[in-house]
């Protein structure tokens, strides 16, 4: 089979991504029925973490266990990567010992270098540029609650960060309209926006972005590595908290998503994230099911 990686949503075509969402929904139903399904007996997932995690580690590790396989957790303290071994060397060695690898790191270039020297599929479990696995979970949650996302309007309110970049790619791949509302100076990467063309609209007004939206989503104002900017960002983003007044601008049946962890009283009010329009907890659970579908796809003989 041809070697496939998942470094961004652009690595799969629209049909493959939509099939992946449907498969994730099937796997979720199977799990809830208590069905034993172990297609990865004797398969091993290598998990490289240079950034801390709750949902990513637990979802990948639990998913591999449910599939009958095994996962190995590797941090910089546990590997020679932490002592300066070239990424190329680690990729060549590790990919001869495991069947699939996920990496949660900083630079997208580091991930791409690793994948270029790997003999097995590599999954982006978060970089500073993209978080594509989270988008699979997000789209799955929307589909479960509201049906196809194609043709819908999504409002991203907050920082033009890696999650925003992945929503831009998702607008292109899943065929929805994306409105991005962020303070001036915190816009997403212009090259990533250009690729999406007329699928996206950039605004600096949160309520304008939310007007008539089917889905509103946000993220923390200061991502990992930006903690020293917290006070500055709190001032810049003060008008971009997703609260009841923002949600009131959206369609009556709009849903709210947040990739977590969330800071109530900053990027989202407690009344929204804990309110009736929030499907955040289904979204979080879906990391497990969407990533199981992804690993199954990448390791299937037909992929």
Protein backbone atom coordinates (compact mmCIF):
# COMPACT_ATOMS: atom_id res chain seq x y z
CA UNK A 1 0.00 0.00 0.00
CA UNK A 2 1.09 3.61 -0.53
CA UNK A 3 2.40 5.32 2.58
CA UNK A 4 0.03 8.05 3.77
CA UNK A 5 0.60 10.67 6.45
CA UNK A 6 -1.84 13.03 8.20
CA UNK A 7 0.11 16.24 8.76
CA UNK A 8 -2.84 18.52 7.94
CA UNK A 9 -6.40 18.14 6.67
CA UNK A 10 -5.05 18.73 3.16
CA UNK A 11 -3.37 15.30 3.18
CA UNK A 12 -6.75 13.62 2.64
CA UNK A 13 -9.30 14.56 0.01
CA UNK A 14 -12.85 15.62 0.81
CA UNK A 15 -14.36 12.20 0.13
CA UNK A 16 -11.82 10.51 2.38
CA UNK A 17 -12.42 13.01 5.18
CA UNK A 18 -16.20 12.65 5.02
CA UNK A 19 -15.85 8.86 5.00
CA UNK A 20 -13.59 9.15 8.02
CA UNK A 21 -16.26 11.12 9.91
CA UNK A 22 -18.88 8.49 9.15
CA UNK A 23 -16.51 5.71 10.20
CA UNK A 24 -15.80 7.54 13.46
CA UNK A 25 -19.54 7.68 14.15
CA UNK A 26 -19.76 3.91 13.46
CA UNK A 27 -16.82 3.13 15.74
CA UNK A 28 -18.38 5.26 18.48
CA UNK A 29 -21.64 3.32 18.24
CA UNK A 30 -19.75 0.02 18.33
CA UNK A 31 -17.87 1.12 21.44
CA UNK A 32 -21.08 2.23 23.16
CA UNK A 33 -22.66 -1.17 22.39
CA UNK A 34 -19.69 -2.88 24.00
CA UNK A 35 -18.59 -4.58 20.80
CA UNK A 36 -15.04 -5.90 20.76
CA UNK A 37 -13.25 -4.83 17.59
CA UNK A 38 -9.50 -5.39 17.52
CA UNK A 39 -8.06 -4.82 14.03
CA UNK A 40 -4.67 -3.79 15.42
CA UNK A 41 -3.61 -6.89 17.33
CA UNK A 42 0.18 -6.85 17.57
CA UNK A 43 0.33 -3.31 16.13
CA UNK A 44 2.23 -0.58 18.01
CA UNK A 45 1.66 3.18 18.06
CA UNK A 46 4.64 5.38 18.93
CA UNK A 47 3.54 8.62 20.64
CA UNK A 48 6.09 11.44 20.67
CA UNK A 49 5.17 14.33 22.98
CA UNK A 50 7.16 17.55 23.10
CA UNK A 51 4.06 19.44 24.29
CA UNK A 52 1.98 18.39 27.27
CA UNK A 53 -1.48 16.93 26.75
CA UNK A 54 -4.56 15.46 28.37
CA UNK A 55 -7.02 14.63 25.58
CA UNK A 56 -4.42 13.76 22.95
CA UNK A 57 -2.52 11.26 25.04
CA UNK A 58 -5.56 9.58 26.58
CA UNK A 59 -7.51 9.38 23.32
CA UNK A 60 -4.68 7.88 21.27
CA UNK A 61 -3.57 5.49 24.00
CA UNK A 62 -7.10 4.35 24.82
CA UNK A 63 -7.96 4.05 21.14
CA UNK A 64 -5.01 1.80 20.43
CA UNK A 65 -5.85 -0.35 23.47
CA UNK A 66 -9.47 -0.69 22.32
CA UNK A 67 -8.20 -1.73 18.90
CA UNK A 68 -6.18 -4.52 20.51
CA UNK A 69 -2.84 -2.81 19.96
CA UNK A 70 -0.30 -1.07 22.15
CA UNK A 71 0.92 2.52 22.52
CA UNK A 72 4.33 3.71 23.71
CA UNK A 73 4.58 7.18 25.28
CA UNK A 74 7.82 9.02 24.48
CA UNK A 75 8.75 12.43 25.88
CA UNK A 76 12.00 14.35 25.27
CA UNK A 77 13.17 13.10 28.67
CA UNK A 78 12.69 9.50 27.53
CA UNK A 79 14.39 9.67 24.14
CA UNK A 80 17.57 10.77 22.45
CA UNK A 81 15.58 13.54 20.76
CA UNK A 82 15.91 15.36 24.06
CA UNK A 83 19.68 15.02 23.84
CA UNK A 84 20.01 16.35 20.31
CA UNK A 85 19.69 13.27 18.09
CA UNK A 86 18.74 14.40 14.57
CA UNK A 87 15.04 14.08 13.80
CA UNK A 88 15.91 12.17 10.62
CA UNK A 89 17.79 9.50 12.60
CA UNK A 90 15.02 9.06 15.16
CA UNK A 91 12.43 8.75 12.37
CA UNK A 92 14.44 6.11 10.52
CA UNK A 93 14.95 4.00 13.63
CA UNK A 94 11.56 4.39 15.32
CA UNK A 95 9.62 3.69 12.11
CA UNK A 96 11.40 0.30 11.82
CA UNK A 97 10.06 -0.69 15.24
CA UNK A 98 6.47 0.59 15.38
CA UNK A 99 3.57 0.55 12.93
CA UNK A 100 2.34 4.14 13.18
CA UNK A 101 3.55 7.32 14.89
CA UNK A 102 1.83 10.40 16.29
CA UNK A 103 3.77 13.54 17.14
CA UNK A 104 2.77 16.52 19.27
CA UNK A 105 5.41 19.17 18.84
CA UNK A 106 6.11 22.82 18.07
CA UNK A 107 7.29 23.45 14.51
CA UNK A 108 5.35 22.02 11.57
CA UNK A 109 8.70 21.71 9.78
CA UNK A 110 9.94 19.29 12.43
CA UNK A 111 6.90 17.09 11.87
CA UNK A 112 7.36 17.20 8.10
CA UNK A 113 11.04 16.28 8.40
CA UNK A 114 10.14 13.32 10.59
CA UNK A 115 7.47 12.14 8.14
CA UNK A 116 9.87 12.45 5.18
CA UNK A 117 12.19 9.91 6.84
CA UNK A 118 9.55 7.58 8.29
CA UNK A 119 8.62 4.19 6.87
CA UNK A 120 5.23 4.24 8.60
CA UNK A 121 2.30 6.71 8.74
CA UNK A 122 2.85 9.85 10.81
CA UNK A 123 -0.03 11.77 12.43
CA UNK A 124 0.03 15.41 13.45
CA UNK A 125 -1.24 15.42 17.03
CA UNK A 126 -0.68 19.21 17.21
CA UNK A 127 1.93 21.66 16.00
CA UNK A 128 2.14 25.43 16.22
CA UNK A 129 0.62 25.51 12.72
CA UNK A 130 -2.19 22.92 12.77
CA UNK A 131 -4.32 20.65 14.93
CA UNK A 132 -6.07 18.46 12.34
CA UNK A 133 -7.12 15.61 14.67
CA UNK A 134 -9.15 18.09 16.69
CA UNK A 135 -10.99 19.18 13.56
CA UNK A 136 -12.04 15.62 12.84
CA UNK A 137 -13.59 15.48 16.32
CA UNK A 138 -15.23 18.89 15.84
CA UNK A 139 -16.81 18.02 12.51
CA UNK A 140 -17.96 14.67 13.88
CA UNK A 141 -19.68 16.44 16.78
CA UNK A 142 -21.46 18.86 14.46
CA UNK A 143 -22.59 16.05 12.12
CA UNK A 144 -23.92 14.02 15.05
CA UNK A 145 -26.01 16.95 16.33
CA UNK A 146 -26.93 18.91 13.20
CA UNK A 147 -26.22 16.77 10.14
CA UNK A 148 -23.84 17.58 7.25
CA UNK A 149 -21.61 20.62 7.73
CA UNK A 150 -21.39 21.27 4.00
CA UNK A 151 -22.85 24.67 3.16
CA UNK A 152 -23.09 25.77 6.80
CA UNK A 153 -21.63 28.93 8.32
CA UNK A 154 -18.98 28.60 11.02
CA UNK A 155 -17.68 31.49 13.14
CA UNK A 156 -14.19 31.30 14.59
CA UNK A 157 -13.83 33.95 17.31
CA UNK A 158 -10.41 34.49 18.83
CA UNK A 159 -6.75 34.07 18.00
CA UNK A 160 -5.57 33.23 14.48
CA UNK A 161 -3.72 30.21 15.84
CA UNK A 162 -3.19 26.56 14.89
CA UNK A 163 -6.85 25.74 15.54
CA UNK A 164 -7.93 28.66 13.37
CA UNK A 165 -5.58 27.43 10.63
CA UNK A 166 -7.13 23.98 10.80
CA UNK A 167 -10.62 25.49 10.58
CA UNK A 168 -9.48 27.31 7.44
CA UNK A 169 -8.38 24.01 5.92
CA UNK A 170 -11.62 22.39 7.09
CA UNK A 171 -13.69 25.07 5.33
CA UNK A 172 -11.95 24.12 2.12
CA UNK A 173 -12.13 20.35 2.60
CA UNK A 174 -15.63 20.08 4.11
CA UNK A 175 -17.10 22.91 1.99
CA UNK A 176 -18.47 25.36 4.54
CA UNK A 177 -18.18 29.11 4.99
CA UNK A 178 -15.85 30.30 7.74
CA UNK A 179 -15.93 33.74 9.32
CA UNK A 180 -12.87 34.60 11.38
CA UNK A 181 -13.13 37.34 14.01
CA UNK A 182 -9.91 38.35 15.74
CA UNK A 183 -8.26 41.52 17.05
CA UNK A 184 -6.00 43.39 14.68
CA UNK A 185 -2.51 41.97 14.84
CA UNK A 186 -3.72 38.46 15.71
CA UNK A 187 -4.84 37.35 12.24
CA UNK A 188 -4.14 33.84 10.92
CA UNK A 189 -1.30 33.16 8.48
CA UNK A 190 -1.99 34.96 5.20
CA UNK A 191 -0.74 32.10 3.02
CA UNK A 192 -3.07 29.63 4.73
CA UNK A 193 -5.98 32.04 4.29
CA UNK A 194 -5.16 32.62 0.63
CA UNK A 195 -5.37 28.91 -0.10
CA UNK A 196 -8.98 28.81 1.13
CA UNK A 197 -10.08 31.64 -1.17
CA UNK A 198 -13.71 32.69 -0.86
CA UNK A 199 -14.49 30.00 1.75
CA UNK A 200 -13.35 32.43 4.46
CA UNK A 201 -14.10 35.99 5.56
CA UNK A 202 -11.79 37.86 7.92
CA UNK A 203 -13.42 40.29 10.36
CA UNK A 204 -12.51 42.18 13.51
CA UNK A 205 -16.01 42.17 15.00
CA UNK A 206 -17.14 39.11 16.96
CA UNK A 207 -20.87 39.81 16.68
CA UNK A 208 -20.63 40.36 12.92
CA UNK A 209 -18.90 37.01 12.57
CA UNK A 210 -21.53 35.27 14.69
CA UNK A 211 -24.49 36.69 12.78
CA UNK A 212 -26.54 33.78 11.40
CA UNK A 213 -23.82 31.21 12.16
CA UNK A 214 -24.58 27.51 12.60
CA UNK A 215 -21.50 26.85 14.70
CA UNK A 216 -19.45 29.14 16.93
CA UNK A 217 -16.07 28.05 18.18
CA UNK A 218 -13.08 29.52 19.99
CA UNK A 219 -9.85 28.65 21.79
CA UNK A 220 -7.73 30.04 24.61
CA UNK A 221 -6.30 33.51 24.04
CA UNK A 222 -2.75 32.47 24.94
CA UNK A 223 -1.64 29.08 23.59
CA UNK A 224 1.17 26.94 24.99
CA UNK A 225 4.39 28.92 24.85
CA UNK A 226 2.58 32.29 24.95
CA UNK A 227 1.92 32.45 28.69
CA UNK A 228 4.11 35.55 29.12
CA UNK A 229 1.73 37.36 26.73
CA UNK A 230 -1.34 36.59 28.85
CA UNK A 231 -1.95 40.10 30.20
CA UNK A 232 -1.39 41.75 26.81
CA UNK A 233 -3.68 39.26 25.11
CA UNK A 234 -6.42 39.68 27.71
CA UNK A 235 -6.57 43.38 26.83
CA UNK A 236 -6.47 42.75 23.08
CA UNK A 237 -9.17 40.06 23.16
CA UNK A 238 -11.53 41.67 25.70
CA UNK A 239 -14.26 42.15 23.07
CA UNK A 240 -13.93 38.57 21.77
CA UNK A 241 -15.32 36.55 24.68
CA UNK A 242 -18.01 34.17 23.42
CA UNK A 243 -20.86 35.00 25.78
CA UNK A 244 -24.64 34.92 25.60
CA UNK A 245 -24.76 38.14 23.56
CA UNK A 246 -22.49 36.57 20.91
CA UNK A 247 -24.49 33.34 20.81
CA UNK A 248 -27.69 35.39 20.44
CA UNK A 249 -26.39 36.65 17.09
CA UNK A 250 -26.12 33.11 15.72
CA UNK A 251 -28.93 30.92 14.45
CA UNK A 252 -31.28 29.70 17.17
CA UNK A 253 -30.04 26.12 16.77
CA UNK A 254 -26.35 27.04 16.59
CA UNK A 255 -23.93 24.91 18.60
CA UNK A 256 -20.82 25.92 20.50
CA UNK A 257 -17.46 24.11 20.38
CA UNK A 258 -14.16 24.57 22.23
CA UNK A 259 -11.12 22.30 21.84
CA UNK A 260 -10.26 22.62 25.57
CA UNK A 261 -8.81 23.38 28.03
CA UNK A 262 -11.14 26.34 28.50
CA UNK A 263 -10.80 29.44 30.65
CA UNK A 264 -14.28 30.49 31.74
CA UNK A 265 -14.53 34.24 31.96
CA UNK A 266 -11.88 34.76 29.29
CA UNK A 267 -12.50 33.37 25.80
CA UNK A 268 -15.87 31.89 26.78
CA UNK A 269 -18.42 32.54 29.51
CA UNK A 270 -19.50 29.75 31.85
CA UNK A 271 -23.09 30.26 30.70
CA UNK A 272 -22.09 29.32 27.12
CA UNK A 273 -19.69 26.43 27.61
CA UNK A 274 -21.91 24.88 30.28
CA UNK A 275 -25.14 25.88 28.54
CA UNK A 276 -27.61 24.05 26.30
CA UNK A 277 -25.94 24.98 23.00
CA UNK A 278 -22.58 23.59 24.02
CA UNK A 279 -21.59 20.19 22.62
CA UNK A 280 -18.05 20.48 23.96
CA UNK A 281 -18.09 17.21 25.90
CA UNK A 282 -19.21 15.17 22.89
CA UNK A 283 -16.54 17.00 20.91
CA UNK A 284 -13.89 16.03 23.45
CA UNK A 285 -14.96 12.37 23.49
CA UNK A 286 -14.85 12.30 19.71
CA UNK A 287 -11.08 12.69 19.76
CA UNK A 288 -11.06 9.01 20.69
CA UNK A 289 -13.36 7.83 17.93
CA UNK A 290 -12.11 10.09 15.14
CA UNK A 291 -8.50 9.11 15.80
CA UNK A 292 -9.41 5.44 15.83
CA UNK A 293 -10.99 5.93 12.41
CA UNK A 294 -7.88 7.78 11.25
CA UNK A 295 -5.46 5.09 12.42
CA UNK A 296 -7.62 2.39 10.84
CA UNK A 297 -7.59 4.32 7.56
CA UNK A 298 -3.85 4.95 7.54
CA UNK A 299 -3.05 1.31 8.30
CA UNK A 300 -5.58 -0.22 5.92
CA UNK A 301 -4.20 -2.03 2.86
CA UNK A 302 -6.37 0.12 0.57
CA UNK A 303 -5.29 3.54 1.84
